[in-house]
Each structure stands twice: as C-alpha cells, then as structure tokens.
C-alpha cells in the first residue's frame, strides 16, 4: 500500500534521481528532464513524469514543453497518484516505442518496480 507522501520527501527523491542521472549520463547524448517537460503519450494525452530521460536532445528548443520519445520514465508513487501512475500512465508509456524502462518509486515502502523491455516488440 502506498502511503501519503510529503512534498519535501517527494522533492528530495525527485532531485536525487535527477542529479544521479545527470551525473551518469554526462557525455552520452542523453539527458534527464524533470516534471516541467511533458510526455505526449498519444494525440489526446499529455503526462508529466517525475523524471524522464531523453536521447539526442542536445540544444533543445527552449519553447518546447513536451516530447514524445522518452527512453526511461520515473514516477514517484504517492497515495494520491499511485492508481493513475500504475493503471493509466503505465499502459500509455508502454505504447511508446522509444520507452525502454519505466521505474515506479514507492518511497513509503522503499521499493522500486521496474518495467523493462527485454527484446524487440516487448
């Protein structure tokens, strides 16, 4: 069960994920973005993952607020978001061909749920 999550805990976890990814991805052509950048999952849906990793963005257009090709998506679960994250966002992210890994972070139980493609067409 996902417990209530304070905004301080959420912000710290989101910041830690972003910082760790930024350090590890330096020089790879990939970069993490926080929830200020949306993911277009299909024509009628925009999602704001807590952190997402994109490749080949380089000098991204500062006016662009949404992309449709994340490689990795992180969602931090809380009592208020877990149902949407797991039942609505997960299937939408899975339909994006670019997505390799989806990570759900449950701070309260200190667990991760990792959904990953294991081969072409998975």
C-alpha atoms as a PDB file:
ATOM      1  CA  UNK A   1       0.000   0.000   0.000  1.00  0.00           C
ATOM      2  CA  UNK A   2       1.273   3.446  -0.909  1.00  0.00           C
ATOM      3  CA  UNK A   3       1.251   5.915   1.986  1.00  0.00           C
ATOM      4  CA  UNK A   4       0.776   9.646   1.971  1.00  0.00           C
ATOM      5  CA  UNK A   5       3.877  11.436   0.786  1.00  0.00           C
ATOM      6  CA  UNK A   6       5.104  14.812   1.950  1.00  0.00           C
ATOM      7  CA  UNK A   7       6.116  17.308  -0.676  1.00  0.00           C
ATOM      8  CA  UNK A   8       9.546  17.505   0.988  1.00  0.00           C
ATOM      9  CA  UNK A   9      10.120  13.748   0.607  1.00  0.00           C
ATOM     10  CA  UNK A  10       8.868  13.847  -2.958  1.00  0.00           C
ATOM     11  CA  UNK A  11      11.103  16.803  -3.869  1.00  0.00           C
ATOM     12  CA  UNK A  12      14.160  15.185  -2.313  1.00  0.00           C
ATOM     13  CA  UNK A  13      13.634  11.883  -4.117  1.00  0.00           C
ATOM     14  CA  UNK A  14      12.906  13.583  -7.441  1.00  0.00           C
ATOM     15  CA  UNK A  15      16.003  15.767  -7.039  1.00  0.00           C
ATOM     16  CA  UNK A  16      18.194  12.786  -6.123  1.00  0.00           C
ATOM     17  CA  UNK A  17      17.044  10.792  -9.146  1.00  0.00           C
ATOM     18  CA  UNK A  18      17.574  13.765 -11.461  1.00  0.00           C
ATOM     19  CA  UNK A  19      21.025  14.563 -10.043  1.00  0.00           C
ATOM     20  CA  UNK A  20      22.220  10.940 -10.160  1.00  0.00           C
ATOM     21  CA  UNK A  21      21.060  10.574 -13.766  1.00  0.00           C
ATOM     22  CA  UNK A  22      22.589  13.902 -14.793  1.00  0.00           C
ATOM     23  CA  UNK A  23      25.983  12.816 -13.442  1.00  0.00           C
ATOM     24  CA  UNK A  24      25.873   9.341 -15.003  1.00  0.00           C
ATOM     25  CA  UNK A  25      24.554  10.470 -18.389  1.00  0.00           C
ATOM     26  CA  UNK A  26      27.068  13.274 -18.924  1.00  0.00           C
ATOM     27  CA  UNK A  27      28.666  12.877 -22.343  1.00  0.00           C
ATOM     28  CA  UNK A  28      26.289  10.131 -23.522  1.00  0.00           C
ATOM     29  CA  UNK A  29      23.937  12.248 -25.619  1.00  0.00           C
ATOM     30  CA  UNK A  30      21.126  11.510 -23.169  1.00  0.00           C
ATOM     31  CA  UNK A  31      19.785  13.870 -20.509  1.00  0.00           C
ATOM     32  CA  UNK A  32      17.229  13.772 -17.714  1.00  0.00           C
ATOM     33  CA  UNK A  33      14.356  16.238 -17.507  1.00  0.00           C
ATOM     34  CA  UNK A  34      12.081  16.813 -14.517  1.00  0.00           C
ATOM     35  CA  UNK A  35       8.310  17.154 -14.494  1.00  0.00           C
ATOM     36  CA  UNK A  36       8.475  20.571 -16.184  1.00  0.00           C
ATOM     37  CA  UNK A  37       8.716  18.685 -19.511  1.00  0.00           C
ATOM     38  CA  UNK A  38       5.689  16.640 -20.539  1.00  0.00           C
ATOM     39  CA  UNK A  39       5.480  13.389 -22.473  1.00  0.00           C
ATOM     40  CA  UNK A  40       2.976  13.135 -25.326  1.00  0.00           C
ATOM     41  CA  UNK A  41       1.729   9.573 -24.951  1.00  0.00           C
ATOM     42  CA  UNK A  42      -0.823   9.849 -27.764  1.00  0.00           C
ATOM     43  CA  UNK A  43      -2.829  12.539 -29.512  1.00  0.00           C
ATOM     44  CA  UNK A  44      -5.099  13.300 -26.591  1.00  0.00           C
ATOM     45  CA  UNK A  45      -2.807  12.667 -23.642  1.00  0.00           C
ATOM     46  CA  UNK A  46      -0.012  14.632 -22.031  1.00  0.00           C
ATOM     47  CA  UNK A  47       1.722  13.170 -18.978  1.00  0.00           C
ATOM     48  CA  UNK A  48       4.242  14.739 -16.619  1.00  0.00           C
ATOM     49  CA  UNK A  49       6.613  12.035 -15.362  1.00  0.00           C
ATOM     50  CA  UNK A  50       8.614  12.952 -12.287  1.00  0.00           C
ATOM     51  CA  UNK A  51      11.838  12.380 -14.236  1.00  0.00           C
ATOM     52  CA  UNK A  52      12.350  11.222 -17.823  1.00  0.00           C
ATOM     53  CA  UNK A  53      15.489  10.516 -19.830  1.00  0.00           C
ATOM     54  CA  UNK A  54      15.681  11.589 -23.464  1.00  0.00           C
ATOM     55  CA  UNK A  55      18.389  10.971 -26.039  1.00  0.00           C
ATOM     56  CA  UNK A  56      19.668  13.308 -28.714  1.00  0.00           C
ATOM     57  CA  UNK A  57      18.148  16.483 -27.301  1.00  0.00           C
ATOM     58  CA  UNK A  58      21.408  18.471 -27.328  1.00  0.00           C
ATOM     59  CA  UNK A  59      20.353  22.073 -27.711  1.00  0.00           C
ATOM     60  CA  UNK A  60      16.629  21.524 -27.229  1.00  0.00           C
ATOM     61  CA  UNK A  61      14.294  24.318 -28.252  1.00  0.00           C
ATOM     62  CA  UNK A  62      13.561  26.306 -25.087  1.00  0.00           C
ATOM     63  CA  UNK A  63       9.976  26.811 -26.234  1.00  0.00           C
ATOM     64  CA  UNK A  64       9.243  23.090 -26.421  1.00  0.00           C
ATOM     65  CA  UNK A  65       7.307  21.831 -23.385  1.00  0.00           C
ATOM     66  CA  UNK A  66       6.570  18.226 -24.420  1.00  0.00           C
ATOM     67  CA  UNK A  67       8.402  15.388 -26.161  1.00  0.00           C
ATOM     68  CA  UNK A  68       7.102  12.050 -27.407  1.00  0.00           C
ATOM     69  CA  UNK A  69      10.210   9.887 -27.193  1.00  0.00           C
ATOM     70  CA  UNK A  70      11.444   9.276 -23.638  1.00  0.00           C
ATOM     71  CA  UNK A  71      13.800   6.349 -23.134  1.00  0.00           C
ATOM     72  CA  UNK A  72      13.351   5.975 -19.375  1.00  0.00           C
ATOM     73  CA  UNK A  73      10.468   7.242 -17.222  1.00  0.00           C
ATOM     74  CA  UNK A  74      10.407   7.584 -13.420  1.00  0.00           C
ATOM     75  CA  UNK A  75       7.195   8.014 -11.429  1.00  0.00           C
ATOM     76  CA  UNK A  76       7.261   8.607  -7.675  1.00  0.00           C
ATOM     77  CA  UNK A  77       4.216   6.952  -6.155  1.00  0.00           C
ATOM     78  CA  UNK A  78       2.019   8.532  -3.524  1.00  0.00           C
ATOM     79  CA  UNK A  79      -1.406   7.676  -2.161  1.00  0.00           C
ATOM     80  CA  UNK A  80      -2.931  10.296  -4.446  1.00  0.00           C
ATOM     81  CA  UNK A  81      -1.113   9.301  -7.649  1.00  0.00           C
ATOM     82  CA  UNK A  82      -0.394   5.558  -7.447  1.00  0.00           C
ATOM     83  CA  UNK A  83      -3.641   4.443  -9.073  1.00  0.00           C
ATOM     84  CA  UNK A  84      -3.201   6.788 -12.072  1.00  0.00           C
ATOM     85  CA  UNK A  85       0.523   6.038 -12.333  1.00  0.00           C
ATOM     86  CA  UNK A  86       0.059   2.261 -12.376  1.00  0.00           C
ATOM     87  CA  UNK A  87      -3.260   1.886 -14.214  1.00  0.00           C
ATOM     88  CA  UNK A  88      -3.297   4.786 -16.652  1.00  0.00           C
ATOM     89  CA  UNK A  89       0.228   6.069 -17.217  1.00  0.00           C
ATOM     90  CA  UNK A  90       1.938   2.644 -17.329  1.00  0.00           C
ATOM     91  CA  UNK A  91      -0.033   1.369 -20.359  1.00  0.00           C
ATOM     92  CA  UNK A  92       0.387   4.720 -22.114  1.00  0.00           C
ATOM     93  CA  UNK A  93       4.163   4.710 -21.560  1.00  0.00           C
ATOM     94  CA  UNK A  94       4.348   1.083 -22.716  1.00  0.00           C
ATOM     95  CA  UNK A  95       2.813   2.043 -26.063  1.00  0.00           C
ATOM     96  CA  UNK A  96       5.663   4.464 -26.806  1.00  0.00           C
ATOM     97  CA  UNK A  97       8.240   2.634 -28.920  1.00  0.00           C
ATOM     98  CA  UNK A  98      11.064   4.776 -27.504  1.00  0.00           C
ATOM     99  CA  UNK A  99      10.493   3.716 -23.891  1.00  0.00           C
ATOM    100  CA  UNK A 100      12.905   1.063 -22.674  1.00  0.00           C
ATOM    101  CA  UNK A 101      12.364   1.296 -18.914  1.00  0.00           C
ATOM    102  CA  UNK A 102       9.659   2.568 -16.570  1.00  0.00           C
ATOM    103  CA  UNK A 103      10.542   2.892 -12.879  1.00  0.00           C
ATOM    104  CA  UNK A 104       7.981   3.335 -10.118  1.00  0.00           C
ATOM    105  CA  UNK A 105       9.487   4.577  -6.851  1.00  0.00           C
ATOM    106  CA  UNK A 106       7.478   3.869  -3.702  1.00  0.00           C
ATOM    107  CA  UNK A 107       9.155   5.939  -1.005  1.00  0.00           C
ATOM    108  CA  UNK A 108       6.925   4.720   1.813  1.00  0.00           C
ATOM    109  CA  UNK A 109       7.796   1.051   1.306  1.00  0.00           C
ATOM    110  CA  UNK A 110      11.291   1.793  -0.029  1.00  0.00           C
ATOM    111  CA  UNK A 111      10.647  -0.315  -3.118  1.00  0.00           C
ATOM    112  CA  UNK A 112      11.089   0.055  -6.830  1.00  0.00           C
ATOM    113  CA  UNK A 113       9.005  -1.538  -9.531  1.00  0.00           C
ATOM    114  CA  UNK A 114      10.885  -1.693 -12.806  1.00  0.00           C
ATOM    115  CA  UNK A 115       9.106  -2.445 -16.070  1.00  0.00           C
ATOM    116  CA  UNK A 116      11.586  -3.024 -18.883  1.00  0.00           C
ATOM    117  CA  UNK A 117      11.542  -4.200 -22.472  1.00  0.00           C
ATOM    118  CA  UNK A 118      13.519  -7.401 -22.864  1.00  0.00           C
ATOM    119  CA  UNK A 119      13.602  -7.525 -26.648  1.00  0.00           C
ATOM    120  CA  UNK A 120      12.174  -6.094 -29.839  1.00  0.00           C
ATOM    121  CA  UNK A 121       8.408  -5.798 -29.732  1.00  0.00           C
ATOM    122  CA  UNK A 122       8.189  -6.343 -25.953  1.00  0.00           C
END
